[in-house]
Amino acid sequence: MAVFPLLRNKPALVEKARGIYQQIKNMTSRLVMFDDNGNIGKRYRRQDEIGTPWCVTIDFQTLEDDTVTLRARDTGEQERVAIDNLIDRMGEGSKI
């Protein structure tokens, strides 16, 4: 799983993304990476290439309602998920 801010030049997004990254690391034994290099498209492609099954994107809506965009590698589909439900949602193993 990879966690990244939508924009790396927005301190509020980066700070929130790092906090969520730490929270996820503390809640799961899965490998979790933080990635803020390059634009969002490059990050998605890089994670797809190395086989990361889930990408969690922190954006401006996250700051408002504590939801994130969860993207599944296999389908490319995305959905909004509450941070508190993130681990459970990924554990379902279902396609988005």
PDB file of N, CA and C in Angstrom:
ATOM      1  N   MET A   1       0.838  -1.161   0.000  1.00  0.00           N
ATOM      2  CA  MET A   1       0.000   0.000   0.000  1.00  0.00           C
ATOM      3  C   MET A   1       0.892   1.235   0.000  1.00  0.00           C
ATOM      4  N   ALA A   2       0.446   2.245  -0.714  1.00  0.00           N
ATOM      5  CA  ALA A   2       1.182   3.510  -0.746  1.00  0.00           C
ATOM      6  C   ALA A   2       0.240   4.637  -0.340  1.00  0.00           C
ATOM      7  N   VAL A   3       0.791   5.593   0.376  1.00  0.00           N
ATOM      8  CA  VAL A   3       0.041   6.765   0.826  1.00  0.00           C
ATOM      9  C   VAL A   3       0.737   7.993   0.273  1.00  0.00           C
ATOM     10  N   PHE A   4      -0.024   8.895  -0.331  1.00  0.00           N
ATOM     11  CA  PHE A   4       0.599  10.120  -0.797  1.00  0.00           C
ATOM     12  C   PHE A   4      -0.370  11.287  -0.865  1.00  0.00           C
ATOM     13  N   PRO A   5       0.199  12.498  -0.710  1.00  0.00           N
ATOM     14  CA  PRO A   5      -0.619  13.706  -0.852  1.00  0.00           C
ATOM     15  C   PRO A   5      -0.869  13.981  -2.333  1.00  0.00           C
ATOM     16  N   LEU A   6      -2.011  14.558  -2.632  1.00  0.00           N
ATOM     17  CA  LEU A   6      -2.321  14.926  -4.009  1.00  0.00           C
ATOM     18  C   LEU A   6      -1.271  15.885  -4.556  1.00  0.00           C
ATOM     19  N   LEU A   7      -0.910  16.886  -3.758  1.00  0.00           N
ATOM     20  CA  LEU A   7       0.095  17.876  -4.145  1.00  0.00           C
ATOM     21  C   LEU A   7       1.170  17.945  -3.073  1.00  0.00           C
ATOM     22  N   ARG A   8       2.412  17.832  -3.480  1.00  0.00           N
ATOM     23  CA  ARG A   8       3.492  17.842  -2.489  1.00  0.00           C
ATOM     24  C   ARG A   8       3.901  19.246  -2.056  1.00  0.00           C
ATOM     25  N   ASN A   9       3.396  20.262  -2.739  1.00  0.00           N
ATOM     26  CA  ASN A   9       3.750  21.636  -2.373  1.00  0.00           C
ATOM     27  C   ASN A   9       2.679  22.301  -1.505  1.00  0.00           C
ATOM     28  N   LYS A  10       1.774  21.503  -0.968  1.00  0.00           N
ATOM     29  CA  LYS A  10       0.741  22.000  -0.052  1.00  0.00           C
ATOM     30  C   LYS A  10       0.996  21.380   1.320  1.00  0.00           C
ATOM     31  N   PRO A  11       1.623  22.142   2.227  1.00  0.00           N
ATOM     32  CA  PRO A  11       2.010  21.598   3.536  1.00  0.00           C
ATOM     33  C   PRO A  11       0.881  20.907   4.298  1.00  0.00           C
ATOM     34  N   ALA A  12      -0.331  21.414   4.214  1.00  0.00           N
ATOM     35  CA  ALA A  12      -1.442  20.791   4.942  1.00  0.00           C
ATOM     36  C   ALA A  12      -1.717  19.380   4.422  1.00  0.00           C
ATOM     37  N   LEU A  13      -1.612  19.193   3.103  1.00  0.00           N
ATOM     38  CA  LEU A  13      -1.827  17.867   2.526  1.00  0.00           C
ATOM     39  C   LEU A  13      -0.703  16.917   2.896  1.00  0.00           C
ATOM     40  N   VAL A  14       0.531  17.403   2.834  1.00  0.00           N
ATOM     41  CA  VAL A  14       1.683  16.565   3.170  1.00  0.00           C
ATOM     42  C   VAL A  14       1.626  16.151   4.637  1.00  0.00           C
ATOM     43  N   GLU A  15       1.323  17.088   5.506  1.00  0.00           N
ATOM     44  CA  GLU A  15       1.242  16.787   6.940  1.00  0.00           C
ATOM     45  C   GLU A  15       0.145  15.757   7.224  1.00  0.00           C
ATOM     46  N   LYS A  16      -1.018  15.936   6.614  1.00  0.00           N
ATOM     47  CA  LYS A  16      -2.126  14.993   6.813  1.00  0.00           C
ATOM     48  C   LYS A  16      -1.757  13.622   6.256  1.00  0.00           C
ATOM     49  N   ALA A  17      -1.109  13.592   5.085  1.00  0.00           N
ATOM     50  CA  ALA A  17      -0.707  12.328   4.474  1.00  0.00           C
ATOM     51  C   ALA A  17       0.293  11.587   5.356  1.00  0.00           C
ATOM     52  N   ARG A  18       1.254  12.305   5.911  1.00  0.00           N
ATOM     53  CA  ARG A  18       2.225  11.656   6.802  1.00  0.00           C
ATOM     54  C   ARG A  18       1.542  11.110   8.057  1.00  0.00           C
ATOM     55  N   GLY A  19       0.575  11.843   8.576  1.00  0.00           N
ATOM     56  CA  GLY A  19      -0.162  11.373   9.746  1.00  0.00           C
ATOM     57  C   GLY A  19      -0.952  10.105   9.447  1.00  0.00           C
ATOM     58  N   ILE A  20      -1.612  10.071   8.295  1.00  0.00           N
ATOM     59  CA  ILE A  20      -2.378   8.891   7.903  1.00  0.00           C
ATOM     60  C   ILE A  20      -1.441   7.722   7.641  1.00  0.00           C
ATOM     61  N   TYR A  21      -0.312   7.991   7.017  1.00  0.00           N
ATOM     62  CA  TYR A  21       0.707   6.962   6.786  1.00  0.00           C
ATOM     63  C   TYR A  21       1.117   6.318   8.110  1.00  0.00           C
ATOM     64  N   GLN A  22       1.413   7.122   9.118  1.00  0.00           N
ATOM     65  CA  GLN A  22       1.807   6.591  10.427  1.00  0.00           C
ATOM     66  C   GLN A  22       0.663   5.806  11.064  1.00  0.00           C
ATOM     67  N   GLN A  23      -0.535   6.326  10.933  1.00  0.00           N
ATOM     68  CA  GLN A  23      -1.707   5.656  11.496  1.00  0.00           C
ATOM     69  C   GLN A  23      -1.887   4.272  10.869  1.00  0.00           C
ATOM     70  N   ILE A  24      -1.771   4.196   9.553  1.00  0.00           N
ATOM     71  CA  ILE A  24      -1.918   2.913   8.863  1.00  0.00           C
ATOM     72  C   ILE A  24      -0.803   1.961   9.276  1.00  0.00           C
ATOM     73  N   LYS A  25       0.430   2.461   9.336  1.00  0.00           N
ATOM     74  CA  LYS A  25       1.556   1.614   9.751  1.00  0.00           C
ATOM     75  C   LYS A  25       1.318   1.005  11.123  1.00  0.00           C
ATOM     76  N   ASN A  26       0.697   1.766  12.017  1.00  0.00           N
ATOM     77  CA  ASN A  26       0.439   1.278  13.367  1.00  0.00           C
ATOM     78  C   ASN A  26      -0.723   0.292  13.427  1.00  0.00           C
ATOM     79  N   MET A  27      -1.559   0.262  12.391  1.00  0.00           N
ATOM     80  CA  MET A  27      -2.760  -0.567  12.406  1.00  0.00           C
ATOM     81  C   MET A  27      -2.633  -1.861  11.613  1.00  0.00           C
ATOM     82  N   THR A  28      -1.584  -2.006  10.826  1.00  0.00           N
ATOM     83  CA  THR A  28      -1.498  -3.173   9.953  1.00  0.00           C
ATOM     84  C   THR A  28      -0.070  -3.699   9.886  1.00  0.00           C
ATOM     85  N   SER A  29       0.037  -4.964   9.521  1.00  0.00           N
ATOM     86  CA  SER A  29       1.361  -5.551   9.317  1.00  0.00           C
ATOM     87  C   SER A  29       1.759  -5.479   7.845  1.00  0.00           C
ATOM     88  N   ARG A  30       0.902  -4.933   7.012  1.00  0.00           N
ATOM     89  CA  ARG A  30       1.215  -4.786   5.585  1.00  0.00           C
ATOM     90  C   ARG A  30       2.345  -3.778   5.379  1.00  0.00           C
ATOM     91  N   LEU A  31       3.038  -3.931   4.272  1.00  0.00           N
ATOM     92  CA  LEU A  31       4.042  -2.944   3.888  1.00  0.00           C
ATOM     93  C   LEU A  31       3.319  -1.670   3.474  1.00  0.00           C
ATOM     94  N   VAL A  32       3.735  -0.556   4.052  1.00  0.00           N
ATOM     95  CA  VAL A  32       3.135   0.740   3.743  1.00  0.00           C
ATOM     96  C   VAL A  32       4.251   1.697   3.349  1.00  0.00           C
ATOM     97  N   MET A  33       4.073   2.378   2.211  1.00  0.00           N
ATOM     98  CA  MET A  33       5.068   3.331   1.732  1.00  0.00           C
ATOM     99  C   MET A  33       4.471   4.730   1.673  1.00  0.00           C
ATOM    100  N   PHE A  34       5.310   5.724   1.899  1.00  0.00           N
ATOM    101  CA  PHE A  34       4.919   7.122   1.712  1.00  0.00           C
ATOM    102  C   PHE A  34       5.632   7.601   0.465  1.00  0.00           C
ATOM    103  N   ASP A  35       4.903   8.217  -0.449  1.00  0.00           N
ATOM    104  CA  ASP A  35       5.491   8.651  -1.718  1.00  0.00           C
ATOM    105  C   ASP A  35       4.994  10.055  -2.046  1.00  0.00           C
ATOM    106  N   ASP A  36       5.929  10.996  -2.146  1.00  0.00           N
ATOM    107  CA  ASP A  36       5.547  12.345  -2.572  1.00  0.00           C
ATOM    108  C   ASP A  36       6.461  12.855  -3.677  1.00  0.00           C
ATOM    109  N   ASN A  37       7.083  11.928  -4.410  1.00  0.00           N
ATOM    110  CA  ASN A  37       7.973  12.303  -5.510  1.00  0.00           C
ATOM    111  C   ASN A  37       7.219  12.330  -6.830  1.00  0.00           C
ATOM    112  N   GLY A  38       7.325  13.435  -7.550  1.00  0.00           N
ATOM    113  CA  GLY A  38       6.684  13.563  -8.850  1.00  0.00           C
ATOM    114  C   GLY A  38       5.217  13.927  -8.728  1.00  0.00           C
ATOM    115  N   ASN A  39       4.565  14.042  -9.884  1.00  0.00           N
ATOM    116  CA  ASN A  39       3.140  14.384  -9.862  1.00  0.00           C
ATOM    117  C   ASN A  39       2.308  13.142  -9.565  1.00  0.00           C
ATOM    118  N   ILE A  40       1.025  13.334  -9.353  1.00  0.00           N
ATOM    119  CA  ILE A  40       0.155  12.240  -8.922  1.00  0.00           C
ATOM    120  C   ILE A  40       0.102  11.116  -9.956  1.00  0.00           C
ATOM    121  N   GLY A  41       0.092  11.458 -11.232  1.00  0.00           N
ATOM    122  CA  GLY A  41       0.069  10.437 -12.276  1.00  0.00           C
ATOM    123  C   GLY A  41       1.314   9.567 -12.255  1.00  0.00           C
ATOM    124  N   LYS A  42       2.468  10.191 -12.069  1.00  0.00           N
ATOM    125  CA  LYS A  42       3.720   9.434 -11.997  1.00  0.00           C
ATOM    126  C   LYS A  42       3.741   8.534 -10.771  1.00  0.00           C
ATOM    127  N   ARG A  43       3.199   9.017  -9.664  1.00  0.00           N
ATOM    128  CA  ARG A  43       3.157   8.199  -8.448  1.00  0.00           C
ATOM    129  C   ARG A  43       2.279   6.969  -8.654  1.00  0.00           C
ATOM    130  N   TYR A  44       1.107   7.174  -9.257  1.00  0.00           N
ATOM    131  CA  TYR A  44       0.238   6.028  -9.537  1.00  0.00           C
ATOM    132  C   TYR A  44       0.942   5.033 -10.459  1.00  0.00           C
ATOM    133  N   ARG A  45       1.557   5.509 -11.532  1.00  0.00           N
ATOM    134  CA  ARG A  45       2.247   4.616 -12.469  1.00  0.00           C
ATOM    135  C   ARG A  45       3.390   3.875 -11.790  1.00  0.00           C
ATOM    136  N   ARG A  46       4.166   4.590 -10.975  1.00  0.00           N
ATOM    137  CA  ARG A  46       5.287   3.957 -10.277  1.00  0.00           C
ATOM    138  C   ARG A  46       4.777   2.843  -9.356  1.00  0.00           C
ATOM    139  N   GLN A  47       3.727   3.128  -8.620  1.00  0.00           N
ATOM    140  CA  GLN A  47       3.181   2.121  -7.712  1.00  0.00           C
ATOM    141  C   GLN A  47       2.586   0.944  -8.490  1.00  0.00           C
ATOM    142  N   ASP A  48       1.952   1.204  -9.622  1.00  0.00           N
ATOM    143  CA  ASP A  48       1.434   0.126 -10.466  1.00  0.00           C
ATOM    144  C   ASP A  48       2.570  -0.767 -10.949  1.00  0.00           C
ATOM    145  N   GLU A  49       3.675  -0.156 -11.369  1.00  0.00           N
ATOM    146  CA  GLU A  49       4.812  -0.910 -11.893  1.00  0.00           C
ATOM    147  C   GLU A  49       5.426  -1.837 -10.856  1.00  0.00           C
ATOM    148  N   ILE A  50       5.461  -1.412  -9.599  1.00  0.00           N
ATOM    149  CA  ILE A  50       6.079  -2.260  -8.575  1.00  0.00           C
ATOM    150  C   ILE A  50       5.065  -3.190  -7.907  1.00  0.00           C
ATOM    151  N   GLY A  51       3.805  -3.101  -8.333  1.00  0.00           N
ATOM    152  CA  GLY A  51       2.806  -4.045  -7.856  1.00  0.00           C
ATOM    153  C   GLY A  51       2.069  -3.666  -6.589  1.00  0.00           C
ATOM    154  N   THR A  52       2.071  -2.395  -6.241  1.00  0.00           N
ATOM    155  CA  THR A  52       1.361  -1.946  -5.046  1.00  0.00           C
ATOM    156  C   THR A  52      -0.144  -2.106  -5.285  1.00  0.00           C
ATOM    157  N   PRO A  53      -0.830  -2.920  -4.467  1.00  0.00           N
ATOM    158  CA  PRO A  53      -2.247  -3.192  -4.730  1.00  0.00           C
ATOM    159  C   PRO A  53      -3.188  -2.030  -4.441  1.00  0.00           C
ATOM    160  N   TRP A  54      -2.826  -1.167  -3.490  1.00  0.00           N
ATOM    161  CA  TRP A  54      -3.702  -0.071  -3.081  1.00  0.00           C
ATOM    162  C   TRP A  54      -2.914   1.231  -2.982  1.00  0.00           C
ATOM    163  N   CYS A  55      -3.498   2.306  -3.468  1.00  0.00           N
ATOM    164  CA  CYS A  55      -2.935   3.640  -3.276  1.00  0.00           C
ATOM    165  C   CYS A  55      -3.966   4.487  -2.544  1.00  0.00           C
ATOM    166  N   VAL A  56      -3.487   5.203  -1.547  1.00  0.00           N
ATOM    167  CA  VAL A  56      -4.335   6.068  -0.735  1.00  0.00           C
ATOM    168  C   VAL A  56      -3.896   7.506  -0.999  1.00  0.00           C
ATOM    169  N   THR A  57      -4.794   8.309  -1.539  1.00  0.00           N
ATOM    170  CA  THR A  57      -4.472   9.691  -1.873  1.00  0.00           C
ATOM    171  C   THR A  57      -5.180  10.639  -0.918  1.00  0.00           C
ATOM    172  N   ILE A  58      -4.388  11.550  -0.363  1.00  0.00           N
ATOM    173  CA  ILE A  58      -4.902  12.567   0.546  1.00  0.00           C
ATOM    174  C   ILE A  58      -5.062  13.847  -0.264  1.00  0.00           C
ATOM    175  N   ASP A  59      -6.275  14.397  -0.281  1.00  0.00           N
ATOM    176  CA  ASP A  59      -6.556  15.591  -1.074  1.00  0.00           C
ATOM    177  C   ASP A  59      -7.280  16.623  -0.219  1.00  0.00           C
ATOM    178  N   PHE A  60      -7.756  17.661  -0.843  1.00  0.00           N
ATOM    179  CA  PHE A  60      -8.394  18.745  -0.088  1.00  0.00           C
ATOM    180  C   PHE A  60      -9.675  18.298   0.605  1.00  0.00           C
ATOM    181  N   GLN A  61     -10.385  17.367   0.003  1.00  0.00           N
ATOM    182  CA  GLN A  61     -11.594  16.853   0.647  1.00  0.00           C
ATOM    183  C   GLN A  61     -11.242  16.116   1.938  1.00  0.00           C
ATOM    184  N   THR A  62     -10.083  15.474   1.974  1.00  0.00           N
ATOM    185  CA  THR A  62      -9.623  14.784   3.184  1.00  0.00           C
ATOM    186  C   THR A  62      -9.566  15.750   4.353  1.00  0.00           C
ATOM    187  N   LEU A  63      -9.090  16.954   4.087  1.00  0.00           N
ATOM    188  CA  LEU A  63      -8.970  17.951   5.147  1.00  0.00           C
ATOM    189  C   LEU A  63     -10.333  18.366   5.690  1.00  0.00           C
ATOM    190  N   GLU A  64     -11.359  18.242   4.861  1.00  0.00           N
ATOM    191  CA  GLU A  64     -12.701  18.647   5.271  1.00  0.00           C
ATOM    192  C   GLU A  64     -13.468  17.547   5.994  1.00  0.00           C
ATOM    193  N   ASP A  65     -13.339  16.292   5.505  1.00  0.00           N
ATOM    194  CA  ASP A  65     -14.227  15.246   6.029  1.00  0.00           C
ATOM    195  C   ASP A  65     -13.538  13.934   6.420  1.00  0.00           C
ATOM    196  N   ASP A  66     -12.221  13.925   6.479  1.00  0.00           N
ATOM    197  CA  ASP A  66     -11.465  12.727   6.870  1.00  0.00           C
ATOM    198  C   ASP A  66     -11.796  11.504   6.012  1.00  0.00           C
ATOM    199  N   THR A  67     -11.961  11.728   4.708  1.00  0.00           N
ATOM    200  CA  THR A  67     -12.053  10.624   3.764  1.00  0.00           C
ATOM    201  C   THR A  67     -10.855  10.721   2.830  1.00  0.00           C
ATOM    202  N   VAL A  68     -10.493   9.593   2.231  1.00  0.00           N
ATOM    203  CA  VAL A  68      -9.372   9.540   1.295  1.00  0.00           C
ATOM    204  C   VAL A  68      -9.853   8.881   0.010  1.00  0.00           C
ATOM    205  N   THR A  69      -9.067   9.025  -1.038  1.00  0.00           N
ATOM    206  CA  THR A  69      -9.342   8.294  -2.266  1.00  0.00           C
ATOM    207  C   THR A  69      -8.540   7.002  -2.218  1.00  0.00           C
ATOM    208  N   LEU A  70      -9.237   5.891  -2.320  1.00  0.00           N
ATOM    209  CA  LEU A  70      -8.607   4.575  -2.332  1.00  0.00           C
ATOM    210  C   LEU A  70      -8.669   4.061  -3.757  1.00  0.00           C
ATOM    211  N   ARG A  71      -7.498   3.750  -4.323  1.00  0.00           N
ATOM    212  CA  ARG A  71      -7.410   3.295  -5.711  1.00  0.00           C
ATOM    213  C   ARG A  71      -6.877   1.873  -5.739  1.00  0.00           C
ATOM    214  N   ALA A  72      -7.587   1.012  -6.446  1.00  0.00           N
ATOM    215  CA  ALA A  72      -7.173  -0.383  -6.595  1.00  0.00           C
ATOM    216  C   ALA A  72      -6.343  -0.533  -7.865  1.00  0.00           C
ATOM    217  N   ARG A  73      -5.181  -1.147  -7.738  1.00  0.00           N
ATOM    218  CA  ARG A  73      -4.294  -1.330  -8.890  1.00  0.00           C
ATOM    219  C   ARG A  73      -4.943  -2.181  -9.974  1.00  0.00           C
ATOM    220  N   ASP A  74      -5.566  -3.290  -9.597  1.00  0.00           N
ATOM    221  CA  ASP A  74      -6.052  -4.245 -10.593  1.00  0.00           C
ATOM    222  C   ASP A  74      -7.173  -3.698 -11.466  1.00  0.00           C
ATOM    223  N   THR A  75      -8.002  -2.839 -10.908  1.00  0.00           N
ATOM    224  CA  THR A  75      -9.128  -2.301 -11.674  1.00  0.00           C
ATOM    225  C   THR A  75      -8.923  -0.850 -12.072  1.00  0.00           C
ATOM    226  N   GLY A  76      -8.065  -0.134 -11.333  1.00  0.00           N
ATOM    227  CA  GLY A  76      -7.874   1.290 -11.567  1.00  0.00           C
ATOM    228  C   GLY A  76      -9.021   2.128 -11.032  1.00  0.00           C
ATOM    229  N   GLU A  77      -9.998   1.456 -10.445  1.00  0.00           N
ATOM    230  CA  GLU A  77     -11.153   2.177  -9.913  1.00  0.00           C
ATOM    231  C   GLU A  77     -10.813   2.833  -8.587  1.00  0.00           C
ATOM    232  N   GLN A  78     -11.544   3.902  -8.295  1.00  0.00           N
ATOM    233  CA  GLN A  78     -11.304   4.674  -7.083  1.00  0.00           C
ATOM    234  C   GLN A  78     -12.611   4.882  -6.340  1.00  0.00           C
ATOM    235  N   GLU A  79     -12.503   5.023  -5.023  1.00  0.00           N
ATOM    236  CA  GLU A  79     -13.663   5.348  -4.206  1.00  0.00           C
ATOM    237  C   GLU A  79     -13.220   6.156  -3.002  1.00  0.00           C
ATOM    238  N   ARG A  80     -14.166   6.902  -2.443  1.00  0.00           N
ATOM    239  CA  ARG A  80     -13.913   7.654  -1.214  1.00  0.00           C
ATOM    240  C   ARG A  80     -14.179   6.725  -0.044  1.00  0.00           C
ATOM    241  N   VAL A  81     -13.245   6.726   0.900  1.00  0.00           N
ATOM    242  CA  VAL A  81     -13.355   5.871   2.080  1.00  0.00           C
ATOM    243  C   VAL A  81     -12.990   6.701   3.300  1.00  0.00           C
ATOM    244  N   ALA A  82     -13.748   6.542   4.367  1.00  0.00           N
ATOM    245  CA  ALA A  82     -13.409   7.200   5.624  1.00  0.00           C
ATOM    246  C   ALA A  82     -12.104   6.617   6.145  1.00  0.00           C
ATOM    247  N   ILE A  83     -11.256   7.454   6.683  1.00  0.00           N
ATOM    248  CA  ILE A  83      -9.966   6.996   7.198  1.00  0.00           C
ATOM    249  C   ILE A  83     -10.157   5.869   8.201  1.00  0.00           C
ATOM    250  N   ASP A  84     -11.149   5.984   9.064  1.00  0.00           N
ATOM    251  CA  ASP A  84     -11.398   4.963  10.080  1.00  0.00           C
ATOM    252  C   ASP A  84     -11.796   3.615   9.484  1.00  0.00           C
ATOM    253  N   ASN A  85     -12.283   3.591   8.245  1.00  0.00           N
ATOM    254  CA  ASN A  85     -12.716   2.346   7.597  1.00  0.00           C
ATOM    255  C   ASN A  85     -11.712   1.817   6.585  1.00  0.00           C
ATOM    256  N   LEU A  86     -10.593   2.478   6.450  1.00  0.00           N
ATOM    257  CA  LEU A  86      -9.630   2.168   5.394  1.00  0.00           C
ATOM    258  C   LEU A  86      -9.076   0.751   5.486  1.00  0.00           C
ATOM    259  N   ILE A  87      -8.578   0.357   6.630  1.00  0.00           N
ATOM    260  CA  ILE A  87      -7.980  -0.973   6.783  1.00  0.00           C
ATOM    261  C   ILE A  87      -9.028  -2.051   6.537  1.00  0.00           C
ATOM    262  N   ASP A  88     -10.215  -1.881   7.098  1.00  0.00           N
ATOM    263  CA  ASP A  88     -11.283  -2.858   6.881  1.00  0.00           C
ATOM    264  C   ASP A  88     -11.638  -2.957   5.406  1.00  0.00           C
ATOM    265  N   ARG A  89     -11.707  -1.842   4.718  1.00  0.00           N
ATOM    266  CA  ARG A  89     -12.075  -1.835   3.293  1.00  0.00           C
ATOM    267  C   ARG A  89     -11.051  -2.579   2.453  1.00  0.00           C
ATOM    268  N   MET A  90      -9.791  -2.390   2.732  1.00  0.00           N
ATOM    269  CA  MET A  90      -8.752  -3.079   1.969  1.00  0.00           C
ATOM    270  C   MET A  90      -8.727  -4.555   2.320  1.00  0.00           C
ATOM    271  N   GLY A  91      -9.077  -4.887   3.545  1.00  0.00           N
ATOM    272  CA  GLY A  91      -9.094  -6.276   3.974  1.00  0.00           C
ATOM    273  C   GLY A  91     -10.194  -7.093   3.335  1.00  0.00           C
ATOM    274  N   GLU A  92     -11.213  -6.426   2.798  1.00  0.00           N
ATOM    275  CA  GLU A  92     -12.305  -7.139   2.155  1.00  0.00           C
ATOM    276  C   GLU A  92     -11.829  -7.875   0.914  1.00  0.00           C
ATOM    277  N   GLY A  93     -10.764  -7.362   0.296  1.00  0.00           N
ATOM    278  CA  GLY A  93     -10.220  -8.014  -0.883  1.00  0.00           C
ATOM    279  C   GLY A  93     -11.130  -7.930  -2.100  1.00  0.00           C
ATOM    280  N   SER A  94     -12.215  -7.215  -1.969  1.00  0.00           N
ATOM    281  CA  SER A  94     -13.136  -7.111  -3.094  1.00  0.00           C
ATOM    282  C   SER A  94     -12.672  -6.023  -4.048  1.00  0.00           C
ATOM    283  N   LYS A  95     -13.174  -6.105  -5.237  1.00  0.00           N
ATOM    284  CA  LYS A  95     -12.850  -5.070  -6.216  1.00  0.00           C
ATOM    285  C   LYS A  95     -13.678  -3.839  -5.901  1.00  0.00           C
ATOM    286  N   ILE A  96     -13.108  -2.690  -6.148  1.00  0.00           N
ATOM    287  CA  ILE A  96     -13.821  -1.437  -5.891  1.00  0.00           C
ATOM    288  C   ILE A  96     -14.867  -1.261  -6.970  1.00  0.00           C
TER     289      ILE A  96
END
